Amino acid sequence: MKDKELDIAYFLSFCIEQYGKKHRLSGDEVVSLFDRYEVLPYLEDNFEVLHT
């Protein structure tokens, strides 16, 4: 995995974890919700803007 891909993976993981903590959801629940509303592709596509 390249450095940028790894950075994006860590960022997505962080977003899932933080959203789960805020809304008291498990990681699986957050991933399911994010999949339903296409949040993960949005976060990945906009990584540069959101991460800085």
PDB file of N, CA and C in Angstrom:
ATOM      1  N   MET A   1       0.857  -1.181   0.000  1.00  0.00           N
ATOM      2  CA  MET A   1       0.000   0.000   0.000  1.00  0.00           C
ATOM      3  C   MET A   1       0.900   1.240   0.000  1.00  0.00           C
ATOM      4  N   LYS A   2       0.580   2.176  -0.863  1.00  0.00           N
ATOM      5  CA  LYS A   2       1.361   3.407  -0.956  1.00  0.00           C
ATOM      6  C   LYS A   2       1.052   4.317   0.227  1.00  0.00           C
ATOM      7  N   ASP A   3       1.930   5.274   0.456  1.00  0.00           N
ATOM      8  CA  ASP A   3       1.770   6.186   1.596  1.00  0.00           C
ATOM      9  C   ASP A   3       0.433   6.919   1.570  1.00  0.00           C
ATOM     10  N   LYS A   4       0.040   7.442   0.403  1.00  0.00           N
ATOM     11  CA  LYS A   4      -1.221   8.181   0.319  1.00  0.00           C
ATOM     12  C   LYS A   4      -2.408   7.257   0.584  1.00  0.00           C
ATOM     13  N   GLU A   5      -2.356   6.041   0.039  1.00  0.00           N
ATOM     14  CA  GLU A   5      -3.435   5.080   0.281  1.00  0.00           C
ATOM     15  C   GLU A   5      -3.535   4.742   1.766  1.00  0.00           C
ATOM     16  N   LEU A   6      -2.396   4.601   2.404  1.00  0.00           N
ATOM     17  CA  LEU A   6      -2.364   4.312   3.836  1.00  0.00           C
ATOM     18  C   LEU A   6      -2.917   5.488   4.635  1.00  0.00           C
ATOM     19  N   ASP A   7      -2.552   6.702   4.252  1.00  0.00           N
ATOM     20  CA  ASP A   7      -3.084   7.899   4.912  1.00  0.00           C
ATOM     21  C   ASP A   7      -4.603   7.957   4.787  1.00  0.00           C
ATOM     22  N   ILE A   8      -5.121   7.641   3.604  1.00  0.00           N
ATOM     23  CA  ILE A   8      -6.570   7.657   3.387  1.00  0.00           C
ATOM     24  C   ILE A   8      -7.237   6.580   4.230  1.00  0.00           C
ATOM     25  N   ALA A   9      -6.642   5.395   4.283  1.00  0.00           N
ATOM     26  CA  ALA A   9      -7.202   4.306   5.087  1.00  0.00           C
ATOM     27  C   ALA A   9      -7.256   4.693   6.568  1.00  0.00           C
ATOM     28  N   TYR A  10      -6.185   5.296   7.070  1.00  0.00           N
ATOM     29  CA  TYR A  10      -6.178   5.758   8.463  1.00  0.00           C
ATOM     30  C   TYR A  10      -7.236   6.838   8.690  1.00  0.00           C
ATOM     31  N   PHE A  11      -7.384   7.737   7.732  1.00  0.00           N
ATOM     32  CA  PHE A  11      -8.370   8.812   7.839  1.00  0.00           C
ATOM     33  C   PHE A  11      -9.786   8.243   7.886  1.00  0.00           C
ATOM     34  N   LEU A  12     -10.087   7.293   7.004  1.00  0.00           N
ATOM     35  CA  LEU A  12     -11.417   6.683   6.994  1.00  0.00           C
ATOM     36  C   LEU A  12     -11.682   5.952   8.305  1.00  0.00           C
ATOM     37  N   SER A  13     -10.679   5.246   8.783  1.00  0.00           N
ATOM     38  CA  SER A  13     -10.802   4.539  10.056  1.00  0.00           C
ATOM     39  C   SER A  13     -11.065   5.515  11.198  1.00  0.00           C
ATOM     40  N   PHE A  14     -10.344   6.628  11.209  1.00  0.00           N
ATOM     41  CA  PHE A  14     -10.531   7.659  12.224  1.00  0.00           C
ATOM     42  C   PHE A  14     -11.955   8.214  12.169  1.00  0.00           C
ATOM     43  N   CYS A  15     -12.441   8.501  10.969  1.00  0.00           N
ATOM     44  CA  CYS A  15     -13.793   9.053  10.814  1.00  0.00           C
ATOM     45  C   CYS A  15     -14.846   8.071  11.315  1.00  0.00           C
ATOM     46  N   ILE A  16     -14.677   6.803  10.979  1.00  0.00           N
ATOM     47  CA  ILE A  16     -15.616   5.772  11.430  1.00  0.00           C
ATOM     48  C   ILE A  16     -15.607   5.690  12.955  1.00  0.00           C
ATOM     49  N   GLU A  17     -14.420   5.660  13.530  1.00  0.00           N
ATOM     50  CA  GLU A  17     -14.289   5.556  14.987  1.00  0.00           C
ATOM     51  C   GLU A  17     -14.908   6.759  15.695  1.00  0.00           C
ATOM     52  N   GLN A  18     -14.611   7.949  15.219  1.00  0.00           N
ATOM     53  CA  GLN A  18     -15.118   9.158  15.869  1.00  0.00           C
ATOM     54  C   GLN A  18     -16.634   9.283  15.728  1.00  0.00           C
ATOM     55  N   TYR A  19     -17.163   8.957  14.569  1.00  0.00           N
ATOM     56  CA  TYR A  19     -18.614   9.009  14.372  1.00  0.00           C
ATOM     57  C   TYR A  19     -19.291   7.999  15.299  1.00  0.00           C
ATOM     58  N   GLY A  20     -18.703   6.811  15.402  1.00  0.00           N
ATOM     59  CA  GLY A  20     -19.250   5.784  16.281  1.00  0.00           C
ATOM     60  C   GLY A  20     -19.261   6.217  17.736  1.00  0.00           C
ATOM     61  N   LYS A  21     -18.189   6.843  18.185  1.00  0.00           N
ATOM     62  CA  LYS A  21     -18.135   7.333  19.565  1.00  0.00           C
ATOM     63  C   LYS A  21     -19.183   8.407  19.809  1.00  0.00           C
ATOM     64  N   LYS A  22     -19.296   9.339  18.875  1.00  0.00           N
ATOM     65  CA  LYS A  22     -20.237  10.456  19.018  1.00  0.00           C
ATOM     66  C   LYS A  22     -21.683   9.972  19.090  1.00  0.00           C
ATOM     67  N   HIS A  23     -22.005   8.950  18.282  1.00  0.00           N
ATOM     68  CA  HIS A  23     -23.394   8.493  18.182  1.00  0.00           C
ATOM     69  C   HIS A  23     -23.636   7.141  18.856  1.00  0.00           C
ATOM     70  N   ARG A  24     -22.628   6.695  19.610  1.00  0.00           N
ATOM     71  CA  ARG A  24     -22.727   5.427  20.348  1.00  0.00           C
ATOM     72  C   ARG A  24     -23.129   4.264  19.440  1.00  0.00           C
ATOM     73  N   LEU A  25     -22.391   4.110  18.355  1.00  0.00           N
ATOM     74  CA  LEU A  25     -22.613   3.037  17.392  1.00  0.00           C
ATOM     75  C   LEU A  25     -21.354   2.185  17.291  1.00  0.00           C
ATOM     76  N   SER A  26     -21.543   0.926  16.927  1.00  0.00           N
ATOM     77  CA  SER A  26     -20.388   0.058  16.700  1.00  0.00           C
ATOM     78  C   SER A  26     -19.757   0.404  15.354  1.00  0.00           C
ATOM     79  N   GLY A  27     -18.558  -0.072  15.147  1.00  0.00           N
ATOM     80  CA  GLY A  27     -17.889   0.152  13.876  1.00  0.00           C
ATOM     81  C   GLY A  27     -18.683  -0.416  12.713  1.00  0.00           C
ATOM     82  N   ASP A  28     -19.254  -1.615  12.903  1.00  0.00           N
ATOM     83  CA  ASP A  28     -20.065  -2.234  11.850  1.00  0.00           C
ATOM     84  C   ASP A  28     -21.298  -1.399  11.528  1.00  0.00           C
ATOM     85  N   GLU A  29     -21.915  -0.839  12.558  1.00  0.00           N
ATOM     86  CA  GLU A  29     -23.092   0.004  12.337  1.00  0.00           C
ATOM     87  C   GLU A  29     -22.726   1.266  11.562  1.00  0.00           C
ATOM     88  N   VAL A  30     -21.596   1.851  11.902  1.00  0.00           N
ATOM     89  CA  VAL A  30     -21.155   3.064  11.209  1.00  0.00           C
ATOM     90  C   VAL A  30     -20.834   2.746   9.755  1.00  0.00           C
ATOM     91  N   VAL A  31     -20.120   1.666   9.519  1.00  0.00           N
ATOM     92  CA  VAL A  31     -19.774   1.294   8.142  1.00  0.00           C
ATOM     93  C   VAL A  31     -21.035   1.036   7.333  1.00  0.00           C
ATOM     94  N   SER A  32     -22.005   0.362   7.918  1.00  0.00           N
ATOM     95  CA  SER A  32     -23.272   0.111   7.231  1.00  0.00           C
ATOM     96  C   SER A  32     -23.972   1.420   6.880  1.00  0.00           C
ATOM     97  N   LEU A  33     -24.017   2.325   7.829  1.00  0.00           N
ATOM     98  CA  LEU A  33     -24.639   3.633   7.611  1.00  0.00           C
ATOM     99  C   LEU A  33     -23.876   4.434   6.555  1.00  0.00           C
ATOM    100  N   PHE A  34     -22.562   4.449   6.670  1.00  0.00           N
ATOM    101  CA  PHE A  34     -21.735   5.173   5.702  1.00  0.00           C
ATOM    102  C   PHE A  34     -21.880   4.574   4.304  1.00  0.00           C
ATOM    103  N   ASP A  35     -21.994   3.245   4.214  1.00  0.00           N
ATOM    104  CA  ASP A  35     -22.206   2.601   2.911  1.00  0.00           C
ATOM    105  C   ASP A  35     -23.545   3.003   2.316  1.00  0.00           C
ATOM    106  N   ARG A  36     -24.563   3.001   3.136  1.00  0.00           N
ATOM    107  CA  ARG A  36     -25.908   3.340   2.663  1.00  0.00           C
ATOM    108  C   ARG A  36     -25.952   4.741   2.063  1.00  0.00           C
ATOM    109  N   TYR A  37     -25.258   5.674   2.678  1.00  0.00           N
ATOM    110  CA  TYR A  37     -25.295   7.066   2.226  1.00  0.00           C
ATOM    111  C   TYR A  37     -24.040   7.479   1.445  1.00  0.00           C
ATOM    112  N   GLU A  38     -23.231   6.496   1.073  1.00  0.00           N
ATOM    113  CA  GLU A  38     -22.031   6.714   0.254  1.00  0.00           C
ATOM    114  C   GLU A  38     -21.074   7.743   0.865  1.00  0.00           C
ATOM    115  N   VAL A  39     -20.913   7.665   2.166  1.00  0.00           N
ATOM    116  CA  VAL A  39     -20.033   8.591   2.882  1.00  0.00           C
ATOM    117  C   VAL A  39     -18.559   8.251   2.644  1.00  0.00           C
ATOM    118  N   LEU A  40     -18.221   6.970   2.637  1.00  0.00           N
ATOM    119  CA  LEU A  40     -16.816   6.592   2.490  1.00  0.00           C
ATOM    120  C   LEU A  40     -16.224   7.057   1.155  1.00  0.00           C
ATOM    121  N   PRO A  41     -16.917   6.856   0.029  1.00  0.00           N
ATOM    122  CA  PRO A  41     -16.364   7.397  -1.224  1.00  0.00           C
ATOM    123  C   PRO A  41     -16.228   8.924  -1.191  1.00  0.00           C
ATOM    124  N   TYR A  42     -17.178   9.592  -0.554  1.00  0.00           N
ATOM    125  CA  TYR A  42     -17.103  11.054  -0.425  1.00  0.00           C
ATOM    126  C   TYR A  42     -15.858  11.457   0.363  1.00  0.00           C
ATOM    127  N   LEU A  43     -15.634  10.788   1.489  1.00  0.00           N
ATOM    128  CA  LEU A  43     -14.465  11.104   2.313  1.00  0.00           C
ATOM    129  C   LEU A  43     -13.172  10.820   1.559  1.00  0.00           C
ATOM    130  N   GLU A  44     -13.152   9.705   0.840  1.00  0.00           N
ATOM    131  CA  GLU A  44     -11.951   9.350   0.084  1.00  0.00           C
ATOM    132  C   GLU A  44     -11.696  10.344  -1.049  1.00  0.00           C
ATOM    133  N   ASP A  45     -12.738  10.691  -1.785  1.00  0.00           N
ATOM    134  CA  ASP A  45     -12.595  11.631  -2.908  1.00  0.00           C
ATOM    135  C   ASP A  45     -12.181  13.022  -2.446  1.00  0.00           C
ATOM    136  N   ASN A  46     -12.564  13.390  -1.244  1.00  0.00           N
ATOM    137  CA  ASN A  46     -12.283  14.732  -0.726  1.00  0.00           C
ATOM    138  C   ASN A  46     -11.253  14.725   0.399  1.00  0.00           C
ATOM    139  N   PHE A  47     -10.452  13.693   0.448  1.00  0.00           N
ATOM    140  CA  PHE A  47      -9.458  13.516   1.500  1.00  0.00           C
ATOM    141  C   PHE A  47      -8.551  14.736   1.658  1.00  0.00           C
ATOM    142  N   GLU A  48      -8.028  15.236   0.554  1.00  0.00           N
ATOM    143  CA  GLU A  48      -7.074  16.349   0.616  1.00  0.00           C
ATOM    144  C   GLU A  48      -7.681  17.576   1.289  1.00  0.00           C
ATOM    145  N   VAL A  49      -8.909  17.884   0.950  1.00  0.00           N
ATOM    146  CA  VAL A  49      -9.577  19.066   1.506  1.00  0.00           C
ATOM    147  C   VAL A  49      -9.955  18.835   2.965  1.00  0.00           C
ATOM    148  N   LEU A  50     -10.499  17.667   3.260  1.00  0.00           N
ATOM    149  CA  LEU A  50     -10.995  17.386   4.607  1.00  0.00           C
ATOM    150  C   LEU A  50      -9.874  17.124   5.608  1.00  0.00           C
ATOM    151  N   HIS A  51      -8.773  16.590   5.142  1.00  0.00           N
ATOM    152  CA  HIS A  51      -7.702  16.182   6.041  1.00  0.00           C
ATOM    153  C   HIS A  51      -6.818  17.350   6.470  1.00  0.00           C
ATOM    154  N   THR A  52      -6.767  18.415   5.696  1.00  0.00           N
ATOM    155  CA  THR A  52      -5.870  19.524   6.018  1.00  0.00           C
ATOM    156  C   THR A  52      -6.561  20.580   6.841  1.00  0.00           C
TER     157      THR A  52
END
